PDB file of N, CA and C in Angstrom:
ATOM      1  N   UNK A   1     -66.414  85.742 163.324  1.00  0.00           N
ATOM      2  CA  UNK A   1     -66.202  87.300 163.157  1.00  0.00           C
ATOM      3  C   UNK A   1     -67.286  88.065 163.890  1.00  0.00           C
ATOM      4  N   UNK A   2     -68.552  87.059 163.627  1.00  0.00           N
ATOM      5  CA  UNK A   2     -70.043  87.453 164.390  1.00  0.00           C
ATOM      6  C   UNK A   2     -69.615  87.484 166.041  1.00  0.00           C
ATOM      7  N   UNK A   3     -68.954  86.780 166.646  1.00  0.00           N
ATOM      8  CA  UNK A   3     -68.773  86.662 168.287  1.00  0.00           C
ATOM      9  C   UNK A   3     -68.152  88.000 168.503  1.00  0.00           C
ATOM     10  N   UNK A   4     -67.267  88.516 167.876  1.00  0.00           N
ATOM     11  CA  UNK A   4     -66.705  89.606 168.388  1.00  0.00           C
ATOM     12  C   UNK A   4     -67.248  91.180 168.483  1.00  0.00           C
ATOM     13  N   UNK A   5     -68.838  90.999 167.466  1.00  0.00           N
ATOM     14  CA  UNK A   5     -69.293  91.881 167.519  1.00  0.00           C
ATOM     15  C   UNK A   5     -70.438  91.862 168.717  1.00  0.00           C
ATOM     16  N   UNK A   6     -70.608  90.719 168.914  1.00  0.00           N
ATOM     17  CA  UNK A   6     -71.771  90.488 170.021  1.00  0.00           C
ATOM     18  C   UNK A   6     -71.444  90.499 171.503  1.00  0.00           C
ATOM     19  N   UNK A   7     -69.898  90.439 171.555  1.00  0.00           N
ATOM     20  CA  UNK A   7     -69.798  90.567 173.043  1.00  0.00           C
ATOM     21  C   UNK A   7     -70.064  91.516 173.843  1.00  0.00           C
ATOM     22  N   UNK A   8     -70.625  91.006 175.066  1.00  0.00           N
ATOM     23  CA  UNK A   8     -70.828  92.184 175.822  1.00  0.00           C
ATOM     24  C   UNK A   8     -69.990  93.201 176.313  1.00  0.00           C
ATOM     25  N   UNK A   9     -70.550  94.620 176.356  1.00  0.00           N
ATOM     26  CA  UNK A   9     -69.523  95.947 176.868  1.00  0.00           C
ATOM     27  C   UNK A   9     -68.598  95.461 178.112  1.00  0.00           C
ATOM     28  N   UNK A  10     -69.405  94.800 178.900  1.00  0.00           N
ATOM     29  CA  UNK A  10     -68.696  94.362 180.059  1.00  0.00           C
ATOM     30  C   UNK A  10     -67.302  93.440 179.866  1.00  0.00           C
ATOM     31  N   UNK A  11     -67.119  92.760 178.543  1.00  0.00           N
ATOM     32  CA  UNK A  11     -66.001  91.965 178.262  1.00  0.00           C
ATOM     33  C   UNK A  11     -64.865  92.654 177.764  1.00  0.00           C
ATOM     34  N   UNK A  12     -64.949  94.262 177.386  1.00  0.00           N
ATOM     35  CA  UNK A  12     -63.799  94.867 176.801  1.00  0.00           C
ATOM     36  C   UNK A  12     -63.579  95.894 178.180  1.00  0.00           C
ATOM     37  N   UNK A  13     -61.922  96.055 178.260  1.00  0.00           N
ATOM     38  CA  UNK A  13     -61.593  97.101 179.298  1.00  0.00           C
ATOM     39  C   UNK A  13     -62.062  98.464 178.731  1.00  0.00           C
ATOM     40  N   UNK A  14     -62.521  99.184 180.146  1.00  0.00           N
ATOM     41  CA  UNK A  14     -63.101 100.320 179.737  1.00  0.00           C
ATOM     42  C   UNK A  14     -62.280 101.414 179.619  1.00  0.00           C
ATOM     43  N   UNK A  15     -60.706 101.654 179.723  1.00  0.00           N
ATOM     44  CA  UNK A  15     -60.238 102.780 179.661  1.00  0.00           C
ATOM     45  C   UNK A  15     -58.824 102.110 179.593  1.00  0.00           C
ATOM     46  N   UNK A  16     -58.204 102.030 178.269  1.00  0.00           N
ATOM     47  CA  UNK A  16     -56.800 101.774 178.294  1.00  0.00           C
ATOM     48  C   UNK A  16     -55.959 102.720 177.032  1.00  0.00           C
ATOM     49  N   UNK A  17     -54.777 102.396 176.330  1.00  0.00           N
ATOM     50  CA  UNK A  17     -54.277 102.705 175.465  1.00  0.00           C
ATOM     51  C   UNK A  17     -54.839 102.654 173.999  1.00  0.00           C
ATOM     52  N   UNK A  18     -55.616 101.638 173.772  1.00  0.00           N
ATOM     53  CA  UNK A  18     -56.338 101.225 173.211  1.00  0.00           C
ATOM     54  C   UNK A  18     -57.621 102.016 172.551  1.00  0.00           C
ATOM     55  N   UNK A  19     -58.153 102.226 173.437  1.00  0.00           N
ATOM     56  CA  UNK A  19     -59.459 103.051 173.487  1.00  0.00           C
ATOM     57  C   UNK A  19     -59.146 104.508 172.770  1.00  0.00           C
ATOM     58  N   UNK A  20     -58.011 104.846 173.405  1.00  0.00           N
ATOM     59  CA  UNK A  20     -57.553 106.496 172.954  1.00  0.00           C
ATOM     60  C   UNK A  20     -57.137 106.426 171.426  1.00  0.00           C
ATOM     61  N   UNK A  21     -57.002 105.196 170.781  1.00  0.00           N
ATOM     62  CA  UNK A  21     -56.130 105.272 169.218  1.00  0.00           C
ATOM     63  C   UNK A  21     -57.647 104.696 168.436  1.00  0.00           C
ATOM     64  N   UNK A  22     -58.401 104.679 169.209  1.00  0.00           N
ATOM     65  CA  UNK A  22     -59.917 104.002 168.250  1.00  0.00           C
ATOM     66  C   UNK A  22     -59.291 102.851 167.672  1.00  0.00           C
ATOM     67  N   UNK A  23     -59.017 102.067 168.386  1.00  0.00           N
ATOM     68  CA  UNK A  23     -58.467 100.602 168.232  1.00  0.00           C
ATOM     69  C   UNK A  23     -59.717  99.894 167.405  1.00  0.00           C
ATOM     70  N   UNK A  24     -61.250  99.833 168.147  1.00  0.00           N
ATOM     71  CA  UNK A  24     -62.135  99.237 167.888  1.00  0.00           C
ATOM     72  C   UNK A  24     -62.560  99.719 166.411  1.00  0.00           C
ATOM     73  N   UNK A  25     -62.386 100.742 166.070  1.00  0.00           N
ATOM     74  CA  UNK A  25     -62.612 101.349 164.330  1.00  0.00           C
ATOM     75  C   UNK A  25     -61.425 100.426 163.765  1.00  0.00           C
ATOM     76  N   UNK A  26     -60.408 100.535 163.968  1.00  0.00           N
ATOM     77  CA  UNK A  26     -59.538  99.824 163.459  1.00  0.00           C
ATOM     78  C   UNK A  26     -59.693  98.208 162.866  1.00  0.00           C
ATOM     79  N   UNK A  27     -60.181  97.507 164.214  1.00  0.00           N
ATOM     80  CA  UNK A  27     -60.575  96.174 164.246  1.00  0.00           C
ATOM     81  C   UNK A  27     -61.886  96.203 162.976  1.00  0.00           C
ATOM     82  N   UNK A  28     -62.880  97.247 163.131  1.00  0.00           N
ATOM     83  CA  UNK A  28     -64.214  97.161 162.041  1.00  0.00           C
ATOM     84  C   UNK A  28     -63.430  97.102 160.926  1.00  0.00           C
ATOM     85  N   UNK A  29     -62.875  98.135 160.527  1.00  0.00           N
ATOM     86  CA  UNK A  29     -62.101  98.010 159.117  1.00  0.00           C
ATOM     87  C   UNK A  29     -61.513  97.151 158.757  1.00  0.00           C
ATOM     88  N   UNK A  30     -60.965  96.605 159.550  1.00  0.00           N
ATOM     89  CA  UNK A  30     -59.844  94.905 159.161  1.00  0.00           C
ATOM     90  C   UNK A  30     -61.078  94.019 158.798  1.00  0.00           C
ATOM     91  N   UNK A  31     -61.886  93.854 159.626  1.00  0.00           N
ATOM     92  CA  UNK A  31     -62.661  92.816 159.394  1.00  0.00           C
ATOM     93  C   UNK A  31     -63.635  92.851 158.126  1.00  0.00           C
ATOM     94  N   UNK A  32     -64.178  94.252 157.978  1.00  0.00           N
ATOM     95  CA  UNK A  32     -65.054  94.147 156.894  1.00  0.00           C
ATOM     96  C   UNK A  32     -63.993  94.270 155.262  1.00  0.00           C
ATOM     97  N   UNK A  33     -62.674  94.803 155.643  1.00  0.00           N
ATOM     98  CA  UNK A  33     -61.728  94.436 154.695  1.00  0.00           C
ATOM     99  C   UNK A  33     -61.355  93.074 154.092  1.00  0.00           C
ATOM    100  N   UNK A  34     -61.467  92.380 154.900  1.00  0.00           N
ATOM    101  CA  UNK A  34     -61.364  90.927 154.800  1.00  0.00           C
ATOM    102  C   UNK A  34     -62.586  90.274 154.207  1.00  0.00           C
ATOM    103  N   UNK A  35     -63.514  90.589 154.835  1.00  0.00           N
ATOM    104  CA  UNK A  35     -65.028  90.322 154.135  1.00  0.00           C
ATOM    105  C   UNK A  35     -65.237  90.415 152.722  1.00  0.00           C
ATOM    106  N   UNK A  36     -64.857  91.541 152.424  1.00  0.00           N
ATOM    107  CA  UNK A  36     -65.320  92.158 150.965  1.00  0.00           C
ATOM    108  C   UNK A  36     -64.150  91.426 150.131  1.00  0.00           C
ATOM    109  N   UNK A  37     -62.952  91.317 150.365  1.00  0.00           N
ATOM    110  CA  UNK A  37     -61.772  90.970 149.770  1.00  0.00           C
ATOM    111  C   UNK A  37     -62.587  89.362 149.309  1.00  0.00           C
ATOM    112  N   UNK A  38     -63.031  88.593 150.634  1.00  0.00           N
ATOM    113  CA  UNK A  38     -63.172  87.343 150.309  1.00  0.00           C
ATOM    114  C   UNK A  38     -64.421  86.888 149.283  1.00  0.00           C
ATOM    115  N   UNK A  39     -65.587  88.158 149.675  1.00  0.00           N
ATOM    116  CA  UNK A  39     -66.815  88.093 148.910  1.00  0.00           C
ATOM    117  C   UNK A  39     -66.366  88.419 147.283  1.00  0.00           C
ATOM    118  N   UNK A  40     -65.355  89.253 147.244  1.00  0.00           N
ATOM    119  CA  UNK A  40     -65.343  89.638 145.550  1.00  0.00           C
ATOM    120  C   UNK A  40     -64.241  88.710 145.233  1.00  0.00           C
ATOM    121  N   UNK A  41     -63.623  87.634 145.618  1.00  0.00           N
ATOM    122  CA  UNK A  41     -62.714  86.826 145.324  1.00  0.00           C
ATOM    123  C   UNK A  41     -63.567  85.740 144.643  1.00  0.00           C
ATOM    124  N   UNK A  42     -64.818  85.470 145.444  1.00  0.00           N
ATOM    125  CA  UNK A  42     -65.707  84.056 145.032  1.00  0.00           C
ATOM    126  C   UNK A  42     -66.654  85.123 144.074  1.00  0.00           C
ATOM    127  N   UNK A  43     -67.065  85.934 143.716  1.00  0.00           N
ATOM    128  CA  UNK A  43     -67.634  86.451 142.729  1.00  0.00           C
ATOM    129  C   UNK A  43     -66.941  86.910 141.375  1.00  0.00           C
ATOM    130  N   UNK A  44     -65.645  87.538 141.647  1.00  0.00           N
ATOM    131  CA  UNK A  44     -65.111  87.650 140.278  1.00  0.00           C
ATOM    132  C   UNK A  44     -65.231  89.375 140.401  1.00  0.00           C
ATOM    133  N   UNK A  45     -64.510  89.762 139.198  1.00  0.00           N
ATOM    134  CA  UNK A  45     -64.486  91.332 138.998  1.00  0.00           C
ATOM    135  C   UNK A  45     -65.954  91.699 138.170  1.00  0.00           C
ATOM    136  N   UNK A  46     -67.059  91.420 138.844  1.00  0.00           N
ATOM    137  CA  UNK A  46     -68.244  91.717 137.856  1.00  0.00           C
ATOM    138  C   UNK A  46     -68.847  93.030 138.723  1.00  0.00           C
ATOM    139  N   UNK A  47     -69.238  94.007 137.973  1.00  0.00           N
ATOM    140  CA  UNK A  47     -69.438  95.434 138.651  1.00  0.00           C
ATOM    141  C   UNK A  47     -70.796  95.292 139.439  1.00  0.00           C
ATOM    142  N   UNK A  48     -71.902  94.839 138.880  1.00  0.00           N
ATOM    143  CA  UNK A  48     -72.978  94.577 139.814  1.00  0.00           C
ATOM    144  C   UNK A  48     -72.991  93.531 141.070  1.00  0.00           C
ATOM    145  N   UNK A  49     -72.145  92.766 141.014  1.00  0.00           N
ATOM    146  CA  UNK A  49     -71.960  92.039 142.450  1.00  0.00           C
ATOM    147  C   UNK A  49     -70.975  92.739 143.291  1.00  0.00           C
ATOM    148  N   UNK A  50     -70.155  93.576 142.615  1.00  0.00           N
ATOM    149  CA  UNK A  50     -69.187  94.495 143.641  1.00  0.00           C
ATOM    150  C   UNK A  50     -70.456  95.495 144.156  1.00  0.00           C
ATOM    151  N   UNK A  51     -71.144  96.092 143.515  1.00  0.00           N
ATOM    152  CA  UNK A  51     -72.257  97.043 144.221  1.00  0.00           C
ATOM    153  C   UNK A  51     -72.579  96.232 145.065  1.00  0.00           C
ATOM    154  N   UNK A  52     -73.351  94.959 144.668  1.00  0.00           N
ATOM    155  CA  UNK A  52     -74.522  94.296 145.958  1.00  0.00           C
ATOM    156  C   UNK A  52     -73.532  93.787 147.077  1.00  0.00           C
ATOM    157  N   UNK A  53     -72.307  93.705 146.829  1.00  0.00           N
ATOM    158  CA  UNK A  53     -71.426  93.377 148.203  1.00  0.00           C
ATOM    159  C   UNK A  53     -71.290  94.422 148.913  1.00  0.00           C
ATOM    160  N   UNK A  54     -71.094  95.568 148.222  1.00  0.00           N
ATOM    161  CA  UNK A  54     -71.203  96.863 149.103  1.00  0.00           C
ATOM    162  C   UNK A  54     -72.418  97.149 149.801  1.00  0.00           C
ATOM    163  N   UNK A  55     -73.353  96.784 149.153  1.00  0.00           N
ATOM    164  CA  UNK A  55     -74.719  97.291 149.522  1.00  0.00           C
ATOM    165  C   UNK A  55     -75.038  96.287 150.893  1.00  0.00           C
ATOM    166  N   UNK A  56     -74.484  95.098 150.606  1.00  0.00           N
ATOM    167  CA  UNK A  56     -74.734  94.135 151.735  1.00  0.00           C
ATOM    168  C   UNK A  56     -73.870  94.307 153.035  1.00  0.00           C
ATOM    169  N   UNK A  57     -72.862  94.678 152.962  1.00  0.00           N
ATOM    170  CA  UNK A  57     -71.605  95.309 153.878  1.00  0.00           C
ATOM    171  C   UNK A  57     -72.366  96.443 154.697  1.00  0.00           C
ATOM    172  N   UNK A  58     -73.327  97.678 154.006  1.00  0.00           N
ATOM    173  CA  UNK A  58     -73.607  98.623 154.704  1.00  0.00           C
ATOM    174  C   UNK A  58     -75.026  98.138 155.500  1.00  0.00           C
ATOM    175  N   UNK A  59     -75.840  97.183 154.902  1.00  0.00           N
ATOM    176  CA  UNK A  59     -76.790  96.534 155.721  1.00  0.00           C
ATOM    177  C   UNK A  59     -76.528  95.655 157.000  1.00  0.00           C
ATOM    178  N   UNK A  60     -75.455  94.938 156.712  1.00  0.00           N
ATOM    179  CA  UNK A  60     -74.852  94.249 157.660  1.00  0.00           C
ATOM    180  C   UNK A  60     -74.285  94.941 158.772  1.00  0.00           C
ATOM    181  N   UNK A  61     -73.481  96.203 158.308  1.00  0.00           N
ATOM    182  CA  UNK A  61     -73.029  97.168 159.694  1.00  0.00           C
ATOM    183  C   UNK A  61     -74.160  97.910 160.307  1.00  0.00           C
ATOM    184  N   UNK A  62     -75.393  98.056 159.841  1.00  0.00           N
ATOM    185  CA  UNK A  62     -76.143  98.642 160.328  1.00  0.00           C
ATOM    186  C   UNK A  62     -77.117  97.423 161.256  1.00  0.00           C
ATOM    187  N   UNK A  63     -77.069  96.137 161.017  1.00  0.00           N
ATOM    188  CA  UNK A  63     -77.752  95.688 161.547  1.00  0.00           C
ATOM    189  C   UNK A  63     -77.053  94.781 162.927  1.00  0.00           C
ATOM    190  N   UNK A  64     -75.673  94.985 162.515  1.00  0.00           N
ATOM    191  CA  UNK A  64     -74.958  94.497 163.905  1.00  0.00           C
ATOM    192  C   UNK A  64     -75.004  95.870 164.711  1.00  0.00           C
ATOM    193  N   UNK A  65     -75.084  96.892 164.444  1.00  0.00           N
ATOM    194  CA  UNK A  65     -75.141  98.200 165.303  1.00  0.00           C
ATOM    195  C   UNK A  65     -76.389  98.313 165.801  1.00  0.00           C
ATOM    196  N   UNK A  66     -77.515  97.846 165.419  1.00  0.00           N
ATOM    197  CA  UNK A  66     -78.965  97.801 165.969  1.00  0.00           C
ATOM    198  C   UNK A  66     -78.998  96.432 166.924  1.00  0.00           C
ATOM    199  N   UNK A  67     -78.524  95.544 166.406  1.00  0.00           N
ATOM    200  CA  UNK A  67     -78.499  94.145 167.560  1.00  0.00           C
ATOM    201  C   UNK A  67     -77.670  94.490 168.760  1.00  0.00           C
ATOM    202  N   UNK A  68     -76.584  95.546 168.815  1.00  0.00           N
ATOM    203  CA  UNK A  68     -75.751  95.535 169.899  1.00  0.00           C
ATOM    204  C   UNK A  68     -76.698  96.395 170.878  1.00  0.00           C
ATOM    205  N   UNK A  69     -77.297  97.655 170.227  1.00  0.00           N
ATOM    206  CA  UNK A  69     -78.086  98.447 170.854  1.00  0.00           C
ATOM    207  C   UNK A  69     -79.144  97.667 171.404  1.00  0.00           C
ATOM    208  N   UNK A  70     -80.008  97.063 170.925  1.00  0.00           N
ATOM    209  CA  UNK A  70     -81.139  96.296 171.562  1.00  0.00           C
ATOM    210  C   UNK A  70     -81.027  95.108 172.332  1.00  0.00           C
ATOM    211  N   UNK A  71     -80.020  94.459 172.064  1.00  0.00           N
ATOM    212  CA  UNK A  71     -79.640  93.114 172.711  1.00  0.00           C
ATOM    213  C   UNK A  71     -78.610  92.602 173.655  1.00  0.00           C
ATOM    214  N   UNK A  72     -77.492  93.515 173.208  1.00  0.00           N
ATOM    215  CA  UNK A  72     -76.525  93.198 173.900  1.00  0.00           C
ATOM    216  C   UNK A  72     -75.979  94.012 174.972  1.00  0.00           C
ATOM    217  N   UNK A  73     -75.745  93.446 176.105  1.00  0.00           N
ATOM    218  CA  UNK A  73     -75.593  94.489 177.515  1.00  0.00           C
ATOM    219  C   UNK A  73     -74.261  95.318 177.158  1.00  0.00           C
ATOM    220  N   UNK A  74     -74.497  96.778 177.743  1.00  0.00           N
ATOM    221  CA  UNK A  74     -73.693  97.655 177.813  1.00  0.00           C
ATOM    222  C   UNK A  74     -72.929  97.908 176.493  1.00  0.00           C
ATOM    223  N   UNK A  75     -73.803  97.855 175.300  1.00  0.00           N
ATOM    224  CA  UNK A  75     -73.517  98.233 173.919  1.00  0.00           C
ATOM    225  C   UNK A  75     -74.473  99.303 173.567  1.00  0.00           C
ATOM    226  N   UNK A  76     -73.857 100.114 172.874  1.00  0.00           N
ATOM    227  CA  UNK A  76     -74.893 101.226 172.002  1.00  0.00           C
ATOM    228  C   UNK A  76     -74.548 100.976 170.535  1.00  0.00           C
ATOM    229  N   UNK A  77     -75.406 101.714 169.785  1.00  0.00           N
ATOM    230  CA  UNK A  77     -75.809 102.108 168.283  1.00  0.00           C
ATOM    231  C   UNK A  77     -74.085 102.916 168.242  1.00  0.00           C
ATOM    232  N   UNK A  78     -73.308 102.677 167.402  1.00  0.00           N
ATOM    233  CA  UNK A  78     -72.201 103.870 167.069  1.00  0.00           C
ATOM    234  C   UNK A  78     -72.196 103.940 165.485  1.00  0.00           C
ATOM    235  N   UNK A  79     -72.717 105.076 165.066  1.00  0.00           N
ATOM    236  CA  UNK A  79     -72.604 105.212 163.373  1.00  0.00           C
ATOM    237  C   UNK A  79     -71.371 105.549 163.060  1.00  0.00           C
ATOM    238  N   UNK A  80     -70.345 106.018 163.750  1.00  0.00           N
ATOM    239  CA  UNK A  80     -69.043 105.738 163.457  1.00  0.00           C
ATOM    240  C   UNK A  80     -68.590 104.250 163.047  1.00  0.00           C
ATOM    241  N   UNK A  81     -68.995 103.543 163.760  1.00  0.00           N
ATOM    242  CA  UNK A  81     -68.734 101.876 163.778  1.00  0.00           C
ATOM    243  C   UNK A  81     -68.969 101.429 162.296  1.00  0.00           C
ATOM    244  N   UNK A  82     -70.414 102.235 161.989  1.00  0.00           N
ATOM    245  CA  UNK A  82     -70.913 101.581 160.305  1.00  0.00           C
ATOM    246  C   UNK A  82     -69.946 102.557 159.580  1.00  0.00           C
ATOM    247  N   UNK A  83     -69.447 103.432 160.015  1.00  0.00           N
ATOM    248  CA  UNK A  83     -68.567 104.316 158.815  1.00  0.00           C
ATOM    249  C   UNK A  83     -67.253 103.935 158.505  1.00  0.00           C
ATOM    250  N   UNK A  84     -66.804 103.216 159.651  1.00  0.00           N
ATOM    251  CA  UNK A  84     -65.506 102.340 159.946  1.00  0.00           C
ATOM    252  C   UNK A  84     -65.530 101.087 158.707  1.00  0.00           C
ATOM    253  N   UNK A  85     -66.875 100.284 158.959  1.00  0.00           N
ATOM    254  CA  UNK A  85     -67.598  99.461 158.382  1.00  0.00           C
ATOM    255  C   UNK A  85     -67.197  99.730 156.965  1.00  0.00           C
ATOM    256  N   UNK A  86     -67.821 100.829 156.523  1.00  0.00           N
ATOM    257  CA  UNK A  86     -68.073 100.878 154.953  1.00  0.00           C
ATOM    258  C   UNK A  86     -66.352 101.446 154.427  1.00  0.00           C
ATOM    259  N   UNK A  87     -65.734 101.975 155.112  1.00  0.00           N
ATOM    260  CA  UNK A  87     -64.575 102.371 155.022  1.00  0.00           C
ATOM    261  C   UNK A  87     -63.483 100.972 154.852  1.00  0.00           C
ATOM    262  N   UNK A  88     -63.564 100.160 155.512  1.00  0.00           N
ATOM    263  CA  UNK A  88     -62.808  98.875 155.340  1.00  0.00           C
ATOM    264  C   UNK A  88     -63.316  97.936 154.179  1.00  0.00           C
ATOM    265  N   UNK A  89     -64.821  98.258 153.981  1.00  0.00           N
ATOM    266  CA  UNK A  89     -65.286  97.406 152.825  1.00  0.00           C
ATOM    267  C   UNK A  89     -64.807  97.953 151.512  1.00  0.00           C
ATOM    268  N   UNK A  90     -64.763  99.393 151.382  1.00  0.00           N
ATOM    269  CA  UNK A  90     -64.104  99.891 150.376  1.00  0.00           C
ATOM    270  C   UNK A  90     -62.551  99.527 150.260  1.00  0.00           C
ATOM    271  N   UNK A  91     -62.147  99.898 151.445  1.00  0.00           N
ATOM    272  CA  UNK A  91     -60.535  99.191 151.208  1.00  0.00           C
ATOM    273  C   UNK A  91     -60.285  97.764 150.867  1.00  0.00           C
ATOM    274  N   UNK A  92     -61.439  97.128 151.004  1.00  0.00           N
ATOM    275  CA  UNK A  92     -61.062  95.830 150.761  1.00  0.00           C
ATOM    276  C   UNK A  92     -61.607  95.628 149.229  1.00  0.00           C
ATOM    277  N   UNK A  93     -62.177  96.246 148.634  1.00  0.00           N
ATOM    278  CA  UNK A  93     -62.776  96.343 147.373  1.00  0.00           C
ATOM    279  C   UNK A  93     -61.763  96.692 146.563  1.00  0.00           C
ATOM    280  N   UNK A  94     -60.703  97.825 146.813  1.00  0.00           N
ATOM    281  CA  UNK A  94     -59.445  98.463 146.214  1.00  0.00           C
ATOM    282  C   UNK A  94     -58.331  97.256 146.262  1.00  0.00           C
ATOM    283  N   UNK A  95     -58.223  96.981 147.459  1.00  0.00           N
ATOM    284  CA  UNK A  95     -57.212  95.774 147.646  1.00  0.00           C
ATOM    285  C   UNK A  95     -57.535  94.655 146.301  1.00  0.00           C
ATOM    286  N   UNK A  96     -58.575  94.229 146.614  1.00  0.00           N
ATOM    287  CA  UNK A  96     -59.045  93.245 145.402  1.00  0.00           C
ATOM    288  C   UNK A  96     -58.867  93.878 143.965  1.00  0.00           C
ATOM    289  N   UNK A  97     -59.294  94.906 143.484  1.00  0.00           N
ATOM    290  CA  UNK A  97     -59.210  95.163 142.398  1.00  0.00           C
ATOM    291  C   UNK A  97     -57.706  95.348 142.130  1.00  0.00           C
ATOM    292  N   UNK A  98     -56.238  95.512 142.958  1.00  0.00           N
ATOM    293  CA  UNK A  98     -55.096  95.562 142.478  1.00  0.00           C
ATOM    294  C   UNK A  98     -54.950  94.332 142.262  1.00  0.00           C
ATOM    295  N   UNK A  99     -55.301  93.337 143.080  1.00  0.00           N
ATOM    296  CA  UNK A  99     -54.862  91.967 143.037  1.00  0.00           C
ATOM    297  C   UNK A  99     -55.543  91.127 141.727  1.00  0.00           C
ATOM    298  N   UNK A 100     -56.643  91.574 141.617  1.00  0.00           N
ATOM    299  CA  UNK A 100     -57.538  91.258 140.144  1.00  0.00           C
ATOM    300  C   UNK A 100     -56.718  91.836 139.100  1.00  0.00           C
ATOM    301  N   UNK A 101     -56.311  93.010 138.991  1.00  0.00           N
ATOM    302  CA  UNK A 101     -55.173  93.765 137.676  1.00  0.00           C
ATOM    303  C   UNK A 101     -53.976  92.721 137.452  1.00  0.00           C
ATOM    304  N   UNK A 102     -53.234  92.323 138.709  1.00  0.00           N
ATOM    305  CA  UNK A 102     -52.177  91.751 138.446  1.00  0.00           C
ATOM    306  C   UNK A 102     -52.398  90.430 138.200  1.00  0.00           C
ATOM    307  N   UNK A 103     -53.283  89.734 138.781  1.00  0.00           N
ATOM    308  CA  UNK A 103     -53.664  88.160 138.478  1.00  0.00           C
ATOM    309  C   UNK A 103     -54.866  88.150 137.325  1.00  0.00           C
ATOM    310  N   UNK A 104     -54.921  89.035 136.513  1.00  0.00           N
ATOM    311  CA  UNK A 104     -56.149  88.553 135.274  1.00  0.00           C
ATOM    312  C   UNK A 104     -56.207  87.557 134.677  1.00  0.00           C
ATOM    313  N   UNK A 105     -57.451  86.674 134.917  1.00  0.00           N
ATOM    314  CA  UNK A 105     -57.260  85.662 134.207  1.00  0.00           C
ATOM    315  C   UNK A 105     -57.335  86.149 132.548  1.00  0.00           C
ATOM    316  N   UNK A 106     -57.009  84.778 131.655  1.00  0.00           N
ATOM    317  CA  UNK A 106     -56.906  85.198 130.313  1.00  0.00           C
ATOM    318  C   UNK A 106     -57.927  85.008 129.812  1.00  0.00           C
TER     319      UNK A 106
END
């Protein structure tokens, strides 16, 4: 997952139909949803862990964008990517909650 975030901007096509539908935001949401779902699965439905997971995702999203701005060629800090990360994280948490309700341990 980290490799995708740190590819140089020149590795991506400059203008195509995917950029018009904000496909990169969908990718951010999907990656963070999977990340939170897997982390939540390993910690279980404990409220304090879930809040820490969301906080860790927020910090991770900011760090990725900061690293892109400072050290990756042709990439910038994009606050909308961080917002997409958090939307995906919350979505992953909601999906996990539904799975947990249906498969609740005894």
